[in-house]
Amino acid sequence: MNLLPRQDRRYLEGRSITVREVVEGAKKGVILTGIMLPEGKYQVAQADILILLPPSYPEIGPDMFYA
């Protein structure tokens, strides 16, 4: 499954960000795993970030994410 365009995938790989693509029913998204958070701001040092992709992605960019 390739939800992300090649350019987006290269961008993330170039920054050593691990990505999992997920599909649940009609919803599609990507999970960025192990994202480092600012030190001292949160109770954890890193988190997984779920970015929901709109149906017309990549023409319309994502506007929602969950940690």
N, C-alpha and C. Protein backbone atom coordinates (compact mmCIF):
# COMPACT_ATOMS: atom_id res chain seq x y z
N MET A 1 0.85 -1.17 0.00
CA MET A 1 0.00 0.00 0.00
C MET A 1 0.89 1.23 0.00
N ASN A 2 0.63 2.16 -0.87
CA ASN A 2 1.38 3.41 -0.94
C ASN A 2 0.42 4.58 -0.91
N LEU A 3 0.16 5.09 0.28
CA LEU A 3 -0.73 6.24 0.42
C LEU A 3 0.00 7.54 0.16
N LEU A 4 1.30 7.56 0.45
CA LEU A 4 2.08 8.78 0.30
C LEU A 4 2.74 8.85 -1.07
N PRO A 5 2.75 10.04 -1.66
CA PRO A 5 3.50 10.22 -2.90
C PRO A 5 5.00 9.99 -2.64
N ARG A 6 5.70 9.64 -3.68
CA ARG A 6 7.14 9.35 -3.57
C ARG A 6 7.91 10.50 -2.93
N GLN A 7 7.58 11.73 -3.30
CA GLN A 7 8.27 12.90 -2.75
C GLN A 7 8.10 12.99 -1.23
N ASP A 8 6.90 12.74 -0.73
CA ASP A 8 6.65 12.78 0.71
C ASP A 8 7.40 11.65 1.41
N ARG A 9 7.40 10.49 0.79
CA ARG A 9 8.09 9.33 1.37
C ARG A 9 9.59 9.61 1.47
N ARG A 10 10.17 10.18 0.40
CA ARG A 10 11.61 10.52 0.42
C ARG A 10 11.93 11.55 1.48
N TYR A 11 11.05 12.55 1.63
CA TYR A 11 11.25 13.58 2.65
C TYR A 11 11.35 12.94 4.04
N LEU A 12 10.41 12.07 4.37
CA LEU A 12 10.39 11.43 5.68
C LEU A 12 11.58 10.49 5.85
N GLU A 13 11.89 9.71 4.83
CA GLU A 13 13.03 8.80 4.91
C GLU A 13 14.33 9.58 5.09
N GLY A 14 14.45 10.73 4.44
CA GLY A 14 15.64 11.56 4.56
C GLY A 14 15.84 12.11 5.95
N ARG A 15 14.80 12.12 6.74
CA ARG A 15 14.87 12.59 8.12
C ARG A 15 14.78 11.43 9.12
N SER A 16 14.92 10.22 8.60
CA SER A 16 14.90 8.99 9.41
C SER A 16 13.62 8.85 10.22
N ILE A 17 12.50 9.26 9.63
CA ILE A 17 11.19 9.13 10.28
C ILE A 17 10.53 7.86 9.77
N THR A 18 10.20 6.96 10.69
CA THR A 18 9.55 5.70 10.34
C THR A 18 8.05 5.95 10.17
N VAL A 19 7.51 5.45 9.06
CA VAL A 19 6.10 5.69 8.72
C VAL A 19 5.39 4.36 8.53
N ARG A 20 4.18 4.28 9.10
CA ARG A 20 3.27 3.15 8.84
C ARG A 20 2.03 3.71 8.19
N GLU A 21 1.60 3.10 7.11
CA GLU A 21 0.38 3.52 6.45
C GLU A 21 -0.77 2.65 6.95
N VAL A 22 -1.90 3.28 7.24
CA VAL A 22 -3.04 2.55 7.80
C VAL A 22 -4.32 2.90 7.03
N VAL A 23 -5.18 1.89 6.90
CA VAL A 23 -6.50 2.08 6.31
C VAL A 23 -7.48 1.39 7.23
N GLU A 24 -8.50 2.14 7.64
CA GLU A 24 -9.56 1.58 8.47
C GLU A 24 -10.88 2.03 7.88
N GLY A 25 -11.56 1.12 7.22
CA GLY A 25 -12.79 1.49 6.53
C GLY A 25 -12.45 2.48 5.42
N ALA A 26 -13.15 3.60 5.40
CA ALA A 26 -12.91 4.62 4.38
C ALA A 26 -11.82 5.61 4.79
N LYS A 27 -11.32 5.50 6.02
CA LYS A 27 -10.31 6.45 6.50
C LYS A 27 -8.91 5.93 6.21
N LYS A 28 -8.05 6.86 5.76
CA LYS A 28 -6.66 6.53 5.47
C LYS A 28 -5.77 7.49 6.24
N GLY A 29 -4.62 6.99 6.65
CA GLY A 29 -3.70 7.84 7.37
C GLY A 29 -2.31 7.24 7.43
N VAL A 30 -1.41 8.01 8.01
CA VAL A 30 -0.05 7.55 8.24
C VAL A 30 0.29 7.78 9.70
N ILE A 31 1.09 6.88 10.24
CA ILE A 31 1.55 7.01 11.62
C ILE A 31 3.05 7.22 11.58
N LEU A 32 3.48 8.36 12.11
CA LEU A 32 4.90 8.64 12.25
C LEU A 32 5.29 8.10 13.61
N THR A 33 6.19 7.15 13.66
CA THR A 33 6.49 6.46 14.91
C THR A 33 7.74 7.03 15.59
N GLY A 34 7.66 7.12 16.90
CA GLY A 34 8.80 7.53 17.71
C GLY A 34 9.26 8.95 17.51
N ILE A 35 8.34 9.87 17.31
CA ILE A 35 8.70 11.28 17.11
C ILE A 35 9.15 11.88 18.45
N MET A 36 10.34 12.44 18.46
CA MET A 36 10.87 13.06 19.68
C MET A 36 10.11 14.34 19.98
N LEU A 37 9.74 14.52 21.24
CA LEU A 37 9.01 15.70 21.69
C LEU A 37 9.95 16.64 22.42
N PRO A 38 9.58 17.92 22.50
CA PRO A 38 10.44 18.87 23.22
C PRO A 38 10.66 18.43 24.66
N GLU A 39 11.89 18.49 25.09
CA GLU A 39 12.25 18.05 26.44
C GLU A 39 11.59 18.94 27.50
N GLY A 40 11.03 18.30 28.52
CA GLY A 40 10.42 19.02 29.63
C GLY A 40 9.01 19.53 29.40
N LYS A 41 8.46 19.32 28.23
CA LYS A 41 7.12 19.82 27.92
C LYS A 41 6.02 18.79 28.14
N TYR A 42 6.38 17.52 28.02
CA TYR A 42 5.39 16.46 28.09
C TYR A 42 5.85 15.39 29.08
N GLN A 43 4.96 14.47 29.39
CA GLN A 43 5.29 13.40 30.33
C GLN A 43 6.08 12.27 29.68
N VAL A 44 6.18 12.29 28.36
CA VAL A 44 6.93 11.27 27.63
C VAL A 44 7.93 11.96 26.71
N ALA A 45 8.98 11.23 26.35
CA ALA A 45 10.02 11.80 25.49
C ALA A 45 9.69 11.70 24.01
N GLN A 46 8.85 10.71 23.65
CA GLN A 46 8.49 10.54 22.25
C GLN A 46 7.06 10.03 22.12
N ALA A 47 6.50 10.21 20.92
CA ALA A 47 5.11 9.79 20.70
C ALA A 47 4.95 9.37 19.24
N ASP A 48 3.92 8.57 18.99
CA ASP A 48 3.52 8.25 17.63
C ASP A 48 2.47 9.28 17.22
N ILE A 49 2.56 9.75 15.99
CA ILE A 49 1.64 10.78 15.49
C ILE A 49 0.84 10.19 14.33
N LEU A 50 -0.48 10.21 14.46
CA LEU A 50 -1.38 9.76 13.39
C LEU A 50 -1.82 10.98 12.60
N ILE A 51 -1.58 10.96 11.31
CA ILE A 51 -2.03 12.03 10.42
C ILE A 51 -3.10 11.44 9.50
N LEU A 52 -4.32 11.97 9.62
CA LEU A 52 -5.41 11.52 8.75
C LEU A 52 -5.28 12.20 7.39
N LEU A 53 -5.41 11.40 6.34
CA LEU A 53 -5.29 11.94 4.98
C LEU A 53 -6.68 12.14 4.39
N PRO A 54 -6.95 13.33 3.87
CA PRO A 54 -8.26 13.56 3.25
C PRO A 54 -8.40 12.72 1.98
N PRO A 55 -9.63 12.42 1.57
CA PRO A 55 -9.84 11.57 0.39
C PRO A 55 -9.14 12.09 -0.87
N SER A 56 -8.98 13.39 -1.01
CA SER A 56 -8.36 13.95 -2.22
C SER A 56 -6.87 14.25 -2.03
N TYR A 57 -6.24 13.66 -1.00
CA TYR A 57 -4.81 13.83 -0.81
C TYR A 57 -4.07 13.21 -1.99
N PRO A 58 -3.07 13.83 -2.56
CA PRO A 58 -2.28 14.96 -2.08
C PRO A 58 -2.72 16.32 -2.62
N GLU A 59 -3.78 16.38 -3.43
CA GLU A 59 -4.23 17.68 -3.92
C GLU A 59 -4.63 18.60 -2.77
N ILE A 60 -5.22 18.03 -1.74
CA ILE A 60 -5.58 18.77 -0.53
C ILE A 60 -4.77 18.17 0.61
N GLY A 61 -4.06 19.03 1.34
CA GLY A 61 -3.19 18.56 2.41
C GLY A 61 -3.95 18.16 3.65
N PRO A 62 -3.30 17.38 4.51
CA PRO A 62 -3.92 16.98 5.78
C PRO A 62 -4.11 18.19 6.69
N ASP A 63 -5.14 18.12 7.52
CA ASP A 63 -5.37 19.21 8.46
C ASP A 63 -5.67 18.70 9.87
N MET A 64 -5.35 17.42 10.13
CA MET A 64 -5.69 16.85 11.42
C MET A 64 -4.62 15.83 11.78
N PHE A 65 -4.20 15.86 13.04
CA PHE A 65 -3.29 14.81 13.52
C PHE A 65 -3.60 14.52 14.98
N TYR A 66 -3.19 13.34 15.42
CA TYR A 66 -3.41 12.90 16.79
C TYR A 66 -2.10 12.37 17.34
N ALA A 67 -1.85 12.65 18.61
CA ALA A 67 -0.64 12.12 19.27
C ALA A 67 -1.06 11.05 20.26
